[in-house]
Amino acid sequence: MQLKVGKDEPVITNKNGGKQTKLDYGFYLIDAKAMFKLAEVLNYGAGKYEKDNWRKIPVEDHINHALAHIFAYMAGDEQDDHLSHAFCRLMMAVALEDI
């Protein structure tokens, strides 16, 4: 994945004449509460398994675990915060997809 941030991106000028590099990402659109849930699950996992252990796990395993959480949520299981764990596993799969 080629990140589009940096010196090679075009410069844009705003209505006040301010210039900056164009940014094609809408970070301001990301829900803050969802990010807190993601950080909570990541912190829990780091304590249980070790920091960045998830990077040693294949994408397919992350997807499988995400689906298990989604189906558990759909089945009405309330033993875990299944949506937050599924969200986290999908983030992990996306992060590792291009490796």
PDB file of N, CA and C in Angstrom:
ATOM      1  N   MET A   1       0.845  -1.188   0.000  1.00  0.00           N
ATOM      2  CA  MET A   1       0.000   0.000   0.000  1.00  0.00           C
ATOM      3  C   MET A   1       0.880   1.237   0.000  1.00  0.00           C
ATOM      4  N   GLN A   2       0.635   2.100  -0.928  1.00  0.00           N
ATOM      5  CA  GLN A   2       1.365   3.366  -1.017  1.00  0.00           C
ATOM      6  C   GLN A   2       0.607   4.431  -0.230  1.00  0.00           C
ATOM      7  N   LEU A   3       1.196   4.908   0.862  1.00  0.00           N
ATOM      8  CA  LEU A   3       0.554   5.971   1.635  1.00  0.00           C
ATOM      9  C   LEU A   3       0.726   7.293   0.903  1.00  0.00           C
ATOM     10  N   LYS A   4      -0.353   8.041   0.831  1.00  0.00           N
ATOM     11  CA  LYS A   4      -0.312   9.319   0.117  1.00  0.00           C
ATOM     12  C   LYS A   4      -0.180  10.466   1.113  1.00  0.00           C
ATOM     13  N   VAL A   5       0.987  10.569   1.698  1.00  0.00           N
ATOM     14  CA  VAL A   5       1.290  11.646   2.634  1.00  0.00           C
ATOM     15  C   VAL A   5       2.755  11.994   2.428  1.00  0.00           C
ATOM     16  N   GLY A   6       3.039  13.241   2.171  1.00  0.00           N
ATOM     17  CA  GLY A   6       4.446  13.598   2.071  1.00  0.00           C
ATOM     18  C   GLY A   6       4.790  14.545   0.958  1.00  0.00           C
ATOM     19  N   LYS A   7       6.064  14.650   0.723  1.00  0.00           N
ATOM     20  CA  LYS A   7       6.634  15.651  -0.173  1.00  0.00           C
ATOM     21  C   LYS A   7       6.208  15.507  -1.623  1.00  0.00           C
ATOM     22  N   ASP A   8       5.839  14.313  -2.068  1.00  0.00           N
ATOM     23  CA  ASP A   8       5.498  14.104  -3.470  1.00  0.00           C
ATOM     24  C   ASP A   8       4.038  14.413  -3.801  1.00  0.00           C
ATOM     25  N   GLU A   9       3.237  14.713  -2.786  1.00  0.00           N
ATOM     26  CA  GLU A   9       1.825  15.033  -3.016  1.00  0.00           C
ATOM     27  C   GLU A   9       1.689  16.486  -3.467  1.00  0.00           C
ATOM     28  N   PRO A  10       0.636  16.779  -4.246  1.00  0.00           N
ATOM     29  CA  PRO A  10       0.456  18.143  -4.737  1.00  0.00           C
ATOM     30  C   PRO A  10       0.166  19.140  -3.609  1.00  0.00           C
ATOM     31  N   VAL A  11       0.553  20.363  -3.836  1.00  0.00           N
ATOM     32  CA  VAL A  11       0.287  21.448  -2.891  1.00  0.00           C
ATOM     33  C   VAL A  11      -1.032  22.094  -3.283  1.00  0.00           C
ATOM     34  N   ILE A  12      -1.886  22.340  -2.286  1.00  0.00           N
ATOM     35  CA  ILE A  12      -3.154  23.024  -2.530  1.00  0.00           C
ATOM     36  C   ILE A  12      -3.161  24.335  -1.767  1.00  0.00           C
ATOM     37  N   THR A  13      -3.982  25.259  -2.223  1.00  0.00           N
ATOM     38  CA  THR A  13      -4.114  26.569  -1.582  1.00  0.00           C
ATOM     39  C   THR A  13      -5.552  26.730  -1.128  1.00  0.00           C
ATOM     40  N   ASN A  14      -5.749  27.087   0.155  1.00  0.00           N
ATOM     41  CA  ASN A  14      -7.109  27.280   0.656  1.00  0.00           C
ATOM     42  C   ASN A  14      -7.605  28.690   0.358  1.00  0.00           C
ATOM     43  N   LYS A  15      -8.838  28.993   0.744  1.00  0.00           N
ATOM     44  CA  LYS A  15      -9.449  30.286   0.419  1.00  0.00           C
ATOM     45  C   LYS A  15      -8.740  31.464   1.074  1.00  0.00           C
ATOM     46  N   ASN A  16      -7.958  31.218   2.120  1.00  0.00           N
ATOM     47  CA  ASN A  16      -7.208  32.281   2.783  1.00  0.00           C
ATOM     48  C   ASN A  16      -5.795  32.430   2.218  1.00  0.00           C
ATOM     49  N   GLY A  17      -5.473  31.627   1.212  1.00  0.00           N
ATOM     50  CA  GLY A  17      -4.147  31.673   0.623  1.00  0.00           C
ATOM     51  C   GLY A  17      -3.143  30.760   1.294  1.00  0.00           C
ATOM     52  N   GLY A  18      -3.598  29.994   2.292  1.00  0.00           N
ATOM     53  CA  GLY A  18      -2.712  29.059   2.987  1.00  0.00           C
ATOM     54  C   GLY A  18      -2.414  27.851   2.109  1.00  0.00           C
ATOM     55  N   LYS A  19      -1.163  27.466   2.075  1.00  0.00           N
ATOM     56  CA  LYS A  19      -0.741  26.342   1.239  1.00  0.00           C
ATOM     57  C   LYS A  19      -0.344  25.162   2.120  1.00  0.00           C
ATOM     58  N   GLN A  20      -0.703  23.986   1.623  1.00  0.00           N
ATOM     59  CA  GLN A  20      -0.307  22.763   2.308  1.00  0.00           C
ATOM     60  C   GLN A  20      -0.401  21.596   1.335  1.00  0.00           C
ATOM     61  N   THR A  21       0.195  20.490   1.728  1.00  0.00           N
ATOM     62  CA  THR A  21       0.141  19.290   0.915  1.00  0.00           C
ATOM     63  C   THR A  21      -1.276  18.727   0.946  1.00  0.00           C
ATOM     64  N   LYS A  22      -1.748  18.282  -0.213  1.00  0.00           N
ATOM     65  CA  LYS A  22      -3.071  17.681  -0.305  1.00  0.00           C
ATOM     66  C   LYS A  22      -3.096  16.381   0.490  1.00  0.00           C
ATOM     67  N   LEU A  23      -4.168  16.176   1.226  1.00  0.00           N
ATOM     68  CA  LEU A  23      -4.334  14.954   2.012  1.00  0.00           C
ATOM     69  C   LEU A  23      -5.634  14.289   1.585  1.00  0.00           C
ATOM     70  N   ASP A  24      -5.535  13.069   1.073  1.00  0.00           N
ATOM     71  CA  ASP A  24      -6.699  12.357   0.560  1.00  0.00           C
ATOM     72  C   ASP A  24      -7.391  11.498   1.614  1.00  0.00           C
ATOM     73  N   TYR A  25      -7.108  11.733   2.864  1.00  0.00           N
ATOM     74  CA  TYR A  25      -7.694  10.942   3.942  1.00  0.00           C
ATOM     75  C   TYR A  25      -8.606  11.826   4.794  1.00  0.00           C
ATOM     76  N   GLY A  26      -9.710  11.267   5.239  1.00  0.00           N
ATOM     77  CA  GLY A  26     -10.651  11.997   6.090  1.00  0.00           C
ATOM     78  C   GLY A  26     -10.566  11.532   7.528  1.00  0.00           C
ATOM     79  N   PHE A  27      -9.427  11.748   8.165  1.00  0.00           N
ATOM     80  CA  PHE A  27      -9.259  11.296   9.543  1.00  0.00           C
ATOM     81  C   PHE A  27     -10.293  11.910  10.485  1.00  0.00           C
ATOM     82  N   TYR A  28     -10.760  13.089  10.179  1.00  0.00           N
ATOM     83  CA  TYR A  28     -11.763  13.746  11.012  1.00  0.00           C
ATOM     84  C   TYR A  28     -13.105  13.017  10.973  1.00  0.00           C
ATOM     85  N   LEU A  29     -13.270  12.092  10.041  1.00  0.00           N
ATOM     86  CA  LEU A  29     -14.508  11.327   9.917  1.00  0.00           C
ATOM     87  C   LEU A  29     -14.523  10.076  10.804  1.00  0.00           C
ATOM     88  N   ILE A  30     -13.376   9.695  11.344  1.00  0.00           N
ATOM     89  CA  ILE A  30     -13.281   8.492  12.171  1.00  0.00           C
ATOM     90  C   ILE A  30     -13.935   8.760  13.517  1.00  0.00           C
ATOM     91  N   ASP A  31     -14.781   7.832  13.934  1.00  0.00           N
ATOM     92  CA  ASP A  31     -15.490   7.979  15.202  1.00  0.00           C
ATOM     93  C   ASP A  31     -14.529   7.792  16.378  1.00  0.00           C
ATOM     94  N   ALA A  32     -14.475   8.765  17.250  1.00  0.00           N
ATOM     95  CA  ALA A  32     -13.547   8.736  18.387  1.00  0.00           C
ATOM     96  C   ALA A  32     -13.878   7.602  19.358  1.00  0.00           C
ATOM     97  N   LYS A  33     -15.153   7.340  19.606  1.00  0.00           N
ATOM     98  CA  LYS A  33     -15.529   6.268  20.534  1.00  0.00           C
ATOM     99  C   LYS A  33     -15.109   4.909  19.987  1.00  0.00           C
ATOM    100  N   ALA A  34     -15.207   4.721  18.690  1.00  0.00           N
ATOM    101  CA  ALA A  34     -14.761   3.464  18.089  1.00  0.00           C
ATOM    102  C   ALA A  34     -13.252   3.297  18.266  1.00  0.00           C
ATOM    103  N   MET A  35     -12.502   4.386  18.164  1.00  0.00           N
ATOM    104  CA  MET A  35     -11.049   4.312  18.334  1.00  0.00           C
ATOM    105  C   MET A  35     -10.695   3.966  19.781  1.00  0.00           C
ATOM    106  N   PHE A  36     -11.484   4.475  20.741  1.00  0.00           N
ATOM    107  CA  PHE A  36     -11.247   4.107  22.133  1.00  0.00           C
ATOM    108  C   PHE A  36     -11.494   2.616  22.345  1.00  0.00           C
ATOM    109  N   LYS A  37     -12.544   2.068  21.713  1.00  0.00           N
ATOM    110  CA  LYS A  37     -12.821   0.630  21.814  1.00  0.00           C
ATOM    111  C   LYS A  37     -11.677  -0.169  21.199  1.00  0.00           C
ATOM    112  N   LEU A  38     -11.209   0.262  20.038  1.00  0.00           N
ATOM    113  CA  LEU A  38     -10.101  -0.413  19.375  1.00  0.00           C
ATOM    114  C   LEU A  38      -8.859  -0.411  20.269  1.00  0.00           C
ATOM    115  N   ALA A  39      -8.537   0.746  20.834  1.00  0.00           N
ATOM    116  CA  ALA A  39      -7.370   0.856  21.714  1.00  0.00           C
ATOM    117  C   ALA A  39      -7.534   0.000  22.967  1.00  0.00           C
ATOM    118  N   GLU A  40      -8.748  -0.106  23.468  1.00  0.00           N
ATOM    119  CA  GLU A  40      -9.017  -0.928  24.654  1.00  0.00           C
ATOM    120  C   GLU A  40      -8.754  -2.408  24.355  1.00  0.00           C
ATOM    121  N   VAL A  41      -9.251  -2.898  23.216  1.00  0.00           N
ATOM    122  CA  VAL A  41      -9.049  -4.297  22.843  1.00  0.00           C
ATOM    123  C   VAL A  41      -7.560  -4.561  22.561  1.00  0.00           C
ATOM    124  N   LEU A  42      -6.894  -3.648  21.874  1.00  0.00           N
ATOM    125  CA  LEU A  42      -5.460  -3.814  21.605  1.00  0.00           C
ATOM    126  C   LEU A  42      -4.656  -3.856  22.903  1.00  0.00           C
ATOM    127  N   ASN A  43      -4.999  -3.008  23.852  1.00  0.00           N
ATOM    128  CA  ASN A  43      -4.298  -2.979  25.138  1.00  0.00           C
ATOM    129  C   ASN A  43      -4.528  -4.282  25.903  1.00  0.00           C
ATOM    130  N   TYR A  44      -5.755  -4.782  25.887  1.00  0.00           N
ATOM    131  CA  TYR A  44      -6.062  -6.052  26.523  1.00  0.00           C
ATOM    132  C   TYR A  44      -5.226  -7.180  25.896  1.00  0.00           C
ATOM    133  N   GLY A  45      -5.183  -7.223  24.575  1.00  0.00           N
ATOM    134  CA  GLY A  45      -4.418  -8.249  23.875  1.00  0.00           C
ATOM    135  C   GLY A  45      -2.927  -8.150  24.151  1.00  0.00           C
ATOM    136  N   ALA A  46      -2.415  -6.930  24.232  1.00  0.00           N
ATOM    137  CA  ALA A  46      -0.989  -6.742  24.522  1.00  0.00           C
ATOM    138  C   ALA A  46      -0.646  -7.278  25.909  1.00  0.00           C
ATOM    139  N   GLY A  47      -1.560  -7.091  26.852  1.00  0.00           N
ATOM    140  CA  GLY A  47      -1.335  -7.612  28.199  1.00  0.00           C
ATOM    141  C   GLY A  47      -1.431  -9.126  28.272  1.00  0.00           C
ATOM    142  N   LYS A  48      -2.320  -9.693  27.484  1.00  0.00           N
ATOM    143  CA  LYS A  48      -2.535 -11.142  27.508  1.00  0.00           C
ATOM    144  C   LYS A  48      -1.494 -11.904  26.693  1.00  0.00           C
ATOM    145  N   TYR A  49      -1.114 -11.370  25.541  1.00  0.00           N
ATOM    146  CA  TYR A  49      -0.245 -12.107  24.614  1.00  0.00           C
ATOM    147  C   TYR A  49       1.138 -11.488  24.442  1.00  0.00           C
ATOM    148  N   GLU A  50       1.250 -10.216  24.393  1.00  0.00           N
ATOM    149  CA  GLU A  50       2.430  -9.360  24.289  1.00  0.00           C
ATOM    150  C   GLU A  50       2.156  -8.333  23.195  1.00  0.00           C
ATOM    151  N   LYS A  51       2.827  -7.206  23.315  1.00  0.00           N
ATOM    152  CA  LYS A  51       2.652  -6.125  22.348  1.00  0.00           C
ATOM    153  C   LYS A  51       3.024  -6.610  20.944  1.00  0.00           C
ATOM    154  N   ASP A  52       2.189  -6.279  19.991  1.00  0.00           N
ATOM    155  CA  ASP A  52       2.408  -6.587  18.575  1.00  0.00           C
ATOM    156  C   ASP A  52       2.427  -8.077  18.242  1.00  0.00           C
ATOM    157  N   ASN A  53       1.989  -8.932  19.151  1.00  0.00           N
ATOM    158  CA  ASN A  53       1.884 -10.359  18.853  1.00  0.00           C
ATOM    159  C   ASN A  53       0.981 -10.598  17.640  1.00  0.00           C
ATOM    160  N   TRP A  54      -0.028  -9.751  17.481  1.00  0.00           N
ATOM    161  CA  TRP A  54      -0.981  -9.903  16.380  1.00  0.00           C
ATOM    162  C   TRP A  54      -0.308  -9.816  15.019  1.00  0.00           C
ATOM    163  N   ARG A  55       0.833  -9.183  14.951  1.00  0.00           N
ATOM    164  CA  ARG A  55       1.547  -9.058  13.682  1.00  0.00           C
ATOM    165  C   ARG A  55       2.168 -10.394  13.232  1.00  0.00           C
ATOM    166  N   LYS A  56       2.230 -11.358  14.141  1.00  0.00           N
ATOM    167  CA  LYS A  56       2.801 -12.678  13.847  1.00  0.00           C
ATOM    168  C   LYS A  56       1.732 -13.679  13.411  1.00  0.00           C
ATOM    169  N   ILE A  57       0.490 -13.238  13.302  1.00  0.00           N
ATOM    170  CA  ILE A  57      -0.644 -14.114  13.003  1.00  0.00           C
ATOM    171  C   ILE A  57      -1.102 -13.861  11.565  1.00  0.00           C
ATOM    172  N   PRO A  58      -1.370 -14.905  10.793  1.00  0.00           N
ATOM    173  CA  PRO A  58      -1.797 -14.729   9.396  1.00  0.00           C
ATOM    174  C   PRO A  58      -3.135 -13.987   9.266  1.00  0.00           C
ATOM    175  N   VAL A  59      -3.279 -13.276   8.174  1.00  0.00           N
ATOM    176  CA  VAL A  59      -4.501 -12.521   7.880  1.00  0.00           C
ATOM    177  C   VAL A  59      -5.728 -13.425   7.985  1.00  0.00           C
ATOM    178  N   GLU A  60      -5.644 -14.636   7.437  1.00  0.00           N
ATOM    179  CA  GLU A  60      -6.782 -15.549   7.440  1.00  0.00           C
ATOM    180  C   GLU A  60      -7.242 -15.870   8.856  1.00  0.00           C
ATOM    181  N   ASP A  61      -6.312 -15.993   9.786  1.00  0.00           N
ATOM    182  CA  ASP A  61      -6.679 -16.256  11.181  1.00  0.00           C
ATOM    183  C   ASP A  61      -7.398 -15.067  11.797  1.00  0.00           C
ATOM    184  N   HIS A  62      -6.931 -13.853  11.494  1.00  0.00           N
ATOM    185  CA  HIS A  62      -7.618 -12.658  12.004  1.00  0.00           C
ATOM    186  C   HIS A  62      -9.044 -12.595  11.459  1.00  0.00           C
ATOM    187  N   ILE A  63      -9.206 -12.888  10.182  1.00  0.00           N
ATOM    188  CA  ILE A  63     -10.543 -12.862   9.575  1.00  0.00           C
ATOM    189  C   ILE A  63     -11.432 -13.931  10.214  1.00  0.00           C
ATOM    190  N   ASN A  64     -10.890 -15.112  10.438  1.00  0.00           N
ATOM    191  CA  ASN A  64     -11.656 -16.183  11.069  1.00  0.00           C
ATOM    192  C   ASN A  64     -12.133 -15.786  12.462  1.00  0.00           C
ATOM    193  N   HIS A  65     -11.240 -15.193  13.247  1.00  0.00           N
ATOM    194  CA  HIS A  65     -11.611 -14.758  14.593  1.00  0.00           C
ATOM    195  C   HIS A  65     -12.618 -13.605  14.538  1.00  0.00           C
ATOM    196  N   ALA A  66     -12.452 -12.695  13.580  1.00  0.00           N
ATOM    197  CA  ALA A  66     -13.421 -11.608  13.420  1.00  0.00           C
ATOM    198  C   ALA A  66     -14.801 -12.174  13.119  1.00  0.00           C
ATOM    199  N   LEU A  67     -14.868 -13.147  12.220  1.00  0.00           N
ATOM    200  CA  LEU A  67     -16.144 -13.771  11.878  1.00  0.00           C
ATOM    201  C   LEU A  67     -16.751 -14.502  13.072  1.00  0.00           C
ATOM    202  N   ALA A  68     -15.912 -15.154  13.874  1.00  0.00           N
ATOM    203  CA  ALA A  68     -16.415 -15.824  15.077  1.00  0.00           C
ATOM    204  C   ALA A  68     -17.069 -14.814  16.013  1.00  0.00           C
ATOM    205  N   HIS A  69     -16.444 -13.649  16.185  1.00  0.00           N
ATOM    206  CA  HIS A  69     -17.025 -12.597  17.030  1.00  0.00           C
ATOM    207  C   HIS A  69     -18.314 -12.049  16.419  1.00  0.00           C
ATOM    208  N   ILE A  70     -18.332 -11.885  15.113  1.00  0.00           N
ATOM    209  CA  ILE A  70     -19.538 -11.370  14.445  1.00  0.00           C
ATOM    210  C   ILE A  70     -20.686 -12.359  14.609  1.00  0.00           C
ATOM    211  N   PHE A  71     -20.433 -13.637  14.376  1.00  0.00           N
ATOM    212  CA  PHE A  71     -21.493 -14.630  14.516  1.00  0.00           C
ATOM    213  C   PHE A  71     -21.933 -14.783  15.968  1.00  0.00           C
ATOM    214  N   ALA A  72     -21.007 -14.672  16.905  1.00  0.00           N
ATOM    215  CA  ALA A  72     -21.377 -14.721  18.323  1.00  0.00           C
ATOM    216  C   ALA A  72     -22.286 -13.540  18.671  1.00  0.00           C
ATOM    217  N   TYR A  73     -21.946 -12.366  18.167  1.00  0.00           N
ATOM    218  CA  TYR A  73     -22.785 -11.182  18.377  1.00  0.00           C
ATOM    219  C   TYR A  73     -24.178 -11.401  17.775  1.00  0.00           C
ATOM    220  N   MET A  74     -24.217 -11.910  16.544  1.00  0.00           N
ATOM    221  CA  MET A  74     -25.490 -12.141  15.859  1.00  0.00           C
ATOM    222  C   MET A  74     -26.329 -13.201  16.572  1.00  0.00           C
ATOM    223  N   ALA A  75     -25.671 -14.146  17.234  1.00  0.00           N
ATOM    224  CA  ALA A  75     -26.379 -15.195  17.965  1.00  0.00           C
ATOM    225  C   ALA A  75     -26.855 -14.725  19.339  1.00  0.00           C
ATOM    226  N   GLY A  76     -26.502 -13.498  19.700  1.00  0.00           N
ATOM    227  CA  GLY A  76     -26.960 -12.947  20.971  1.00  0.00           C
ATOM    228  C   GLY A  76     -26.040 -13.191  22.151  1.00  0.00           C
ATOM    229  N   ASP A  77     -24.855 -13.722  21.913  1.00  0.00           N
ATOM    230  CA  ASP A  77     -23.900 -13.967  22.990  1.00  0.00           C
ATOM    231  C   ASP A  77     -23.429 -12.636  23.564  1.00  0.00           C
ATOM    232  N   GLU A  78     -23.462 -12.524  24.879  1.00  0.00           N
ATOM    233  CA  GLU A  78     -23.065 -11.274  25.544  1.00  0.00           C
ATOM    234  C   GLU A  78     -21.883 -11.474  26.489  1.00  0.00           C
ATOM    235  N   GLN A  79     -21.143 -12.561  26.315  1.00  0.00           N
ATOM    236  CA  GLN A  79     -20.012 -12.846  27.195  1.00  0.00           C
ATOM    237  C   GLN A  79     -18.797 -11.975  26.903  1.00  0.00           C
ATOM    238  N   ASP A  80     -18.812 -11.292  25.759  1.00  0.00           N
ATOM    239  CA  ASP A  80     -17.651 -10.520  25.316  1.00  0.00           C
ATOM    240  C   ASP A  80     -18.172  -9.315  24.526  1.00  0.00           C
ATOM    241  N   ASP A  81     -17.340  -8.317  24.358  1.00  0.00           N
ATOM    242  CA  ASP A  81     -17.683  -7.181  23.497  1.00  0.00           C
ATOM    243  C   ASP A  81     -17.318  -7.596  22.066  1.00  0.00           C
ATOM    244  N   HIS A  82     -18.168  -8.438  21.487  1.00  0.00           N
ATOM    245  CA  HIS A  82     -17.842  -9.077  20.216  1.00  0.00           C
ATOM    246  C   HIS A  82     -17.606  -8.097  19.071  1.00  0.00           C
ATOM    247  N   LEU A  83     -18.383  -7.032  18.996  1.00  0.00           N
ATOM    248  CA  LEU A  83     -18.183  -6.092  17.883  1.00  0.00           C
ATOM    249  C   LEU A  83     -16.833  -5.396  17.977  1.00  0.00           C
ATOM    250  N   SER A  84     -16.429  -5.033  19.181  1.00  0.00           N
ATOM    251  CA  SER A  84     -15.116  -4.388  19.344  1.00  0.00           C
ATOM    252  C   SER A  84     -13.989  -5.349  18.997  1.00  0.00           C
ATOM    253  N   HIS A  85     -14.137  -6.612  19.389  1.00  0.00           N
ATOM    254  CA  HIS A  85     -13.104  -7.598  19.076  1.00  0.00           C
ATOM    255  C   HIS A  85     -13.071  -7.901  17.580  1.00  0.00           C
ATOM    256  N   ALA A  86     -14.233  -7.965  16.943  1.00  0.00           N
ATOM    257  CA  ALA A  86     -14.273  -8.175  15.490  1.00  0.00           C
ATOM    258  C   ALA A  86     -13.632  -6.995  14.765  1.00  0.00           C
ATOM    259  N   PHE A  87     -13.971  -5.780  15.197  1.00  0.00           N
ATOM    260  CA  PHE A  87     -13.399  -4.559  14.626  1.00  0.00           C
ATOM    261  C   PHE A  87     -11.875  -4.598  14.734  1.00  0.00           C
ATOM    262  N   CYS A  88     -11.378  -4.996  15.886  1.00  0.00           N
ATOM    263  CA  CYS A  88      -9.935  -5.052  16.112  1.00  0.00           C
ATOM    264  C   CYS A  88      -9.282  -6.094  15.211  1.00  0.00           C
ATOM    265  N   ARG A  89      -9.886  -7.270  15.120  1.00  0.00           N
ATOM    266  CA  ARG A  89      -9.322  -8.317  14.268  1.00  0.00           C
ATOM    267  C   ARG A  89      -9.315  -7.898  12.801  1.00  0.00           C
ATOM    268  N   LEU A  90     -10.337  -7.187  12.369  1.00  0.00           N
ATOM    269  CA  LEU A  90     -10.361  -6.713  10.981  1.00  0.00           C
ATOM    270  C   LEU A  90      -9.311  -5.632  10.756  1.00  0.00           C
ATOM    271  N   MET A  91      -9.091  -4.776  11.751  1.00  0.00           N
ATOM    272  CA  MET A  91      -8.012  -3.783  11.648  1.00  0.00           C
ATOM    273  C   MET A  91      -6.676  -4.487  11.482  1.00  0.00           C
ATOM    274  N   MET A  92      -6.486  -5.550  12.257  1.00  0.00           N
ATOM    275  CA  MET A  92      -5.241  -6.312  12.174  1.00  0.00           C
ATOM    276  C   MET A  92      -5.071  -6.929  10.783  1.00  0.00           C
ATOM    277  N   ALA A  93      -6.140  -7.493  10.246  1.00  0.00           N
ATOM    278  CA  ALA A  93      -6.079  -8.098   8.917  1.00  0.00           C
ATOM    279  C   ALA A  93      -5.746  -7.048   7.853  1.00  0.00           C
ATOM    280  N   VAL A  94      -6.360  -5.890   7.952  1.00  0.00           N
ATOM    281  CA  VAL A  94      -6.091  -4.812   6.988  1.00  0.00           C
ATOM    282  C   VAL A  94      -4.634  -4.356   7.109  1.00  0.00           C
ATOM    283  N   ALA A  95      -4.158  -4.217   8.347  1.00  0.00           N
ATOM    284  CA  ALA A  95      -2.774  -3.767   8.565  1.00  0.00           C
ATOM    285  C   ALA A  95      -1.766  -4.742   7.985  1.00  0.00           C
ATOM    286  N   LEU A  96      -2.100  -6.026   8.029  1.00  0.00           N
ATOM    287  CA  LEU A  96      -1.156  -7.049   7.581  1.00  0.00           C
ATOM    288  C   LEU A  96      -1.353  -7.454   6.118  1.00  0.00           C
ATOM    289  N   GLU A  97      -2.419  -6.988   5.496  1.00  0.00           N
ATOM    290  CA  GLU A  97      -2.793  -7.436   4.162  1.00  0.00           C
ATOM    291  C   GLU A  97      -1.677  -7.294   3.132  1.00  0.00           C
ATOM    292  N   ASP A  98      -0.924  -6.220   3.181  1.00  0.00           N
ATOM    293  CA  ASP A  98       0.080  -5.954   2.153  1.00  0.00           C
ATOM    294  C   ASP A  98       1.458  -6.491   2.506  1.00  0.00           C
ATOM    295  N   ILE A  99       1.575  -7.189   3.616  1.00  0.00           N
ATOM    296  CA  ILE A  99       2.889  -7.682   4.059  1.00  0.00           C
ATOM    297  C   ILE A  99       3.169  -9.012   3.399  1.00  0.00           C
TER     298      ILE A  99
END
